[in-house]
Amino acid sequence: MTTTPTAPQPLSLVDILRSRRQTKTEPALPDRAQRRAIRAAAGASLNDVALRCGVSNFAIRSWERPDGHTEPRGENRAAYKEALEEMEAFASELTLGGGHVVAGQHADSLR
């Protein structure tokens, strides 16, 4: 007896949407207050972070505001997460090295 291959059953729209949602996991970010604190501890300006992430100062400000309603998405989210990690590492270096951040600048650079 010969078996004929059966055509695959089409996925339902719900199945497609569920699979799409499961594959798009966005990297977790610190809360908004922590984001701003990380930037401040590193002595970075809004413009510094905006240039690093390829977005506007307004975008960074809105992602840090306690009452903000927007979150970075996609490539912007990944770039912002990397920038936060870089700033956090730099701030740790400053702390371990005995340097202090003064008005957005590393104190050693003021000498």
C-alpha atoms as a PDB file:
ATOM      1  CA  MET A   1       0.000   0.000   0.000  1.00  0.00           C
ATOM      2  CA  THR A   2       1.348   3.379  -0.959  1.00  0.00           C
ATOM      3  CA  THR A   3       0.982   6.330   1.341  1.00  0.00           C
ATOM      4  CA  THR A   4       0.679   9.745  -0.099  1.00  0.00           C
ATOM      5  CA  PRO A   5       2.403  12.496   1.774  1.00  0.00           C
ATOM      6  CA  THR A   6       0.003  14.790   3.503  1.00  0.00           C
ATOM      7  CA  ALA A   7       0.379  18.493   3.182  1.00  0.00           C
ATOM      8  CA  PRO A   8       1.431  20.218   6.375  1.00  0.00           C
ATOM      9  CA  GLN A   9      -1.406  21.822   8.214  1.00  0.00           C
ATOM     10  CA  PRO A  10      -1.281  25.607   7.978  1.00  0.00           C
ATOM     11  CA  LEU A  11      -0.542  27.383  11.219  1.00  0.00           C
ATOM     12  CA  SER A  12      -3.264  29.437  12.755  1.00  0.00           C
ATOM     13  CA  LEU A  13      -2.726  33.148  13.070  1.00  0.00           C
ATOM     14  CA  VAL A  14      -2.514  32.766  16.842  1.00  0.00           C
ATOM     15  CA  ASP A  15       0.258  30.162  16.482  1.00  0.00           C
ATOM     16  CA  ILE A  16       2.199  32.480  14.174  1.00  0.00           C
ATOM     17  CA  LEU A  17       1.845  35.429  16.551  1.00  0.00           C
ATOM     18  CA  ARG A  18       2.852  33.323  19.557  1.00  0.00           C
ATOM     19  CA  SER A  19       5.971  32.006  17.835  1.00  0.00           C
ATOM     20  CA  ARG A  20       6.941  35.500  16.706  1.00  0.00           C
ATOM     21  CA  ARG A  21       6.500  36.862  20.225  1.00  0.00           C
ATOM     22  CA  GLN A  22       8.574  34.071  21.768  1.00  0.00           C
ATOM     23  CA  THR A  23      11.493  34.591  19.402  1.00  0.00           C
ATOM     24  CA  LYS A  24      11.663  38.347  19.976  1.00  0.00           C
ATOM     25  CA  THR A  25      13.049  38.564  23.462  1.00  0.00           C
ATOM     26  CA  GLU A  26      14.243  42.043  24.228  1.00  0.00           C
ATOM     27  CA  PRO A  27      17.240  42.462  26.543  1.00  0.00           C
ATOM     28  CA  ALA A  28      16.275  43.457  30.070  1.00  0.00           C
ATOM     29  CA  LEU A  29      17.164  46.979  31.155  1.00  0.00           C
ATOM     30  CA  PRO A  30      17.626  48.465  34.615  1.00  0.00           C
ATOM     31  CA  ASP A  31      14.737  50.583  35.845  1.00  0.00           C
ATOM     32  CA  ARG A  32      14.619  54.210  34.731  1.00  0.00           C
ATOM     33  CA  ALA A  33      16.172  55.666  37.895  1.00  0.00           C
ATOM     34  CA  GLN A  34      19.067  53.203  37.684  1.00  0.00           C
ATOM     35  CA  ARG A  35      19.667  54.093  34.023  1.00  0.00           C
ATOM     36  CA  ARG A  36      20.085  57.753  34.894  1.00  0.00           C
ATOM     37  CA  ALA A  37      22.243  56.918  37.926  1.00  0.00           C
ATOM     38  CA  ILE A  38      24.547  54.764  35.783  1.00  0.00           C
ATOM     39  CA  ARG A  39      24.956  57.580  33.260  1.00  0.00           C
ATOM     40  CA  ALA A  40      25.620  60.118  36.014  1.00  0.00           C
ATOM     41  CA  ALA A  41      28.154  57.864  37.771  1.00  0.00           C
ATOM     42  CA  ALA A  42      30.078  57.496  34.524  1.00  0.00           C
ATOM     43  CA  GLY A  43      29.993  61.252  33.938  1.00  0.00           C
ATOM     44  CA  ALA A  44      28.269  60.834  30.572  1.00  0.00           C
ATOM     45  CA  SER A  45      25.939  63.455  29.140  1.00  0.00           C
ATOM     46  CA  LEU A  46      22.684  62.768  27.343  1.00  0.00           C
ATOM     47  CA  ASN A  47      24.500  63.684  24.149  1.00  0.00           C
ATOM     48  CA  ASP A  48      27.309  61.188  24.846  1.00  0.00           C
ATOM     49  CA  VAL A  49      24.847  58.334  25.202  1.00  0.00           C
ATOM     50  CA  ALA A  50      22.720  59.509  22.281  1.00  0.00           C
ATOM     51  CA  LEU A  51      25.760  59.556  19.979  1.00  0.00           C
ATOM     52  CA  ARG A  52      26.795  56.084  21.153  1.00  0.00           C
ATOM     53  CA  CYS A  53      23.305  54.677  20.530  1.00  0.00           C
ATOM     54  CA  GLY A  54      22.569  56.568  17.329  1.00  0.00           C
ATOM     55  CA  VAL A  55      19.458  58.258  18.702  1.00  0.00           C
ATOM     56  CA  SER A  56      18.478  61.754  19.840  1.00  0.00           C
ATOM     57  CA  ASN A  57      19.076  63.321  23.251  1.00  0.00           C
ATOM     58  CA  PHE A  58      15.295  63.407  23.596  1.00  0.00           C
ATOM     59  CA  ALA A  59      15.124  59.608  23.234  1.00  0.00           C
ATOM     60  CA  ILE A  60      17.673  59.039  26.002  1.00  0.00           C
ATOM     61  CA  ARG A  61      15.913  61.566  28.233  1.00  0.00           C
ATOM     62  CA  SER A  62      12.548  59.876  27.686  1.00  0.00           C
ATOM     63  CA  TRP A  63      14.030  56.431  28.448  1.00  0.00           C
ATOM     64  CA  GLU A  64      15.365  57.758  31.778  1.00  0.00           C
ATOM     65  CA  ARG A  65      12.425  59.871  32.932  1.00  0.00           C
ATOM     66  CA  PRO A  66      10.517  58.375  35.860  1.00  0.00           C
ATOM     67  CA  ASP A  67       7.237  59.355  34.197  1.00  0.00           C
ATOM     68  CA  GLY A  68       8.387  58.328  30.722  1.00  0.00           C
ATOM     69  CA  HIS A  69       6.118  56.307  28.515  1.00  0.00           C
ATOM     70  CA  THR A  70       8.590  55.079  25.930  1.00  0.00           C
ATOM     71  CA  GLU A  71      11.110  52.285  26.000  1.00  0.00           C
ATOM     72  CA  PRO A  72      13.856  51.580  23.480  1.00  0.00           C
ATOM     73  CA  ARG A  73      13.045  48.747  21.093  1.00  0.00           C
ATOM     74  CA  GLY A  74      14.929  46.534  18.687  1.00  0.00           C
ATOM     75  CA  GLU A  75      18.407  47.714  17.726  1.00  0.00           C
ATOM     76  CA  ASN A  76      18.054  50.860  19.845  1.00  0.00           C
ATOM     77  CA  ARG A  77      17.353  48.746  22.918  1.00  0.00           C
ATOM     78  CA  ALA A  78      20.388  46.540  22.280  1.00  0.00           C
ATOM     79  CA  ALA A  79      22.628  49.586  21.715  1.00  0.00           C
ATOM     80  CA  TYR A  80      21.301  51.301  24.848  1.00  0.00           C
ATOM     81  CA  LYS A  81      21.830  48.172  26.948  1.00  0.00           C
ATOM     82  CA  GLU A  82      25.440  47.934  25.696  1.00  0.00           C
ATOM     83  CA  ALA A  83      26.001  51.622  26.473  1.00  0.00           C
ATOM     84  CA  LEU A  84      24.629  51.152  29.998  1.00  0.00           C
ATOM     85  CA  GLU A  85      26.926  48.174  30.544  1.00  0.00           C
ATOM     86  CA  GLU A  86      29.934  50.148  29.259  1.00  0.00           C
ATOM     87  CA  MET A  87      29.093  53.122  31.487  1.00  0.00           C
ATOM     88  CA  GLU A  88      28.589  50.862  34.493  1.00  0.00           C
ATOM     89  CA  ALA A  89      31.996  49.254  33.917  1.00  0.00           C
ATOM     90  CA  PHE A  90      33.611  52.677  33.512  1.00  0.00           C
ATOM     91  CA  ALA A  91      31.966  53.970  36.689  1.00  0.00           C
ATOM     92  CA  SER A  92      33.332  50.911  38.520  1.00  0.00           C
ATOM     93  CA  GLU A  93      36.815  51.697  37.227  1.00  0.00           C
ATOM     94  CA  LEU A  94      36.464  55.245  38.546  1.00  0.00           C
ATOM     95  CA  THR A  95      35.386  53.985  41.941  1.00  0.00           C
ATOM     96  CA  LEU A  96      38.124  51.356  42.133  1.00  0.00           C
ATOM     97  CA  GLY A  97      40.736  53.805  40.867  1.00  0.00           C
ATOM     98  CA  GLY A  98      39.860  56.387  43.489  1.00  0.00           C
ATOM     99  CA  GLY A  99      38.671  58.906  40.931  1.00  0.00           C
ATOM    100  CA  HIS A 100      35.573  60.947  41.476  1.00  0.00           C
ATOM    101  CA  VAL A 101      33.071  62.266  39.004  1.00  0.00           C
ATOM    102  CA  VAL A 102      32.616  66.025  39.317  1.00  0.00           C
ATOM    103  CA  ALA A 103      29.951  67.817  37.283  1.00  0.00           C
ATOM    104  CA  GLY A 104      30.039  65.250  34.506  1.00  0.00           C
ATOM    105  CA  GLN A 105      33.837  65.020  34.308  1.00  0.00           C
ATOM    106  CA  HIS A 106      36.309  62.677  35.867  1.00  0.00           C
ATOM    107  CA  ALA A 107      38.135  64.618  38.604  1.00  0.00           C
ATOM    108  CA  ASP A 108      41.545  63.436  37.374  1.00  0.00           C
ATOM    109  CA  SER A 109      40.901  65.151  34.019  1.00  0.00           C
ATOM    110  CA  LEU A 110      40.465  68.478  35.828  1.00  0.00           C
ATOM    111  CA  ARG A 111      44.044  68.499  37.071  1.00  0.00           C
END
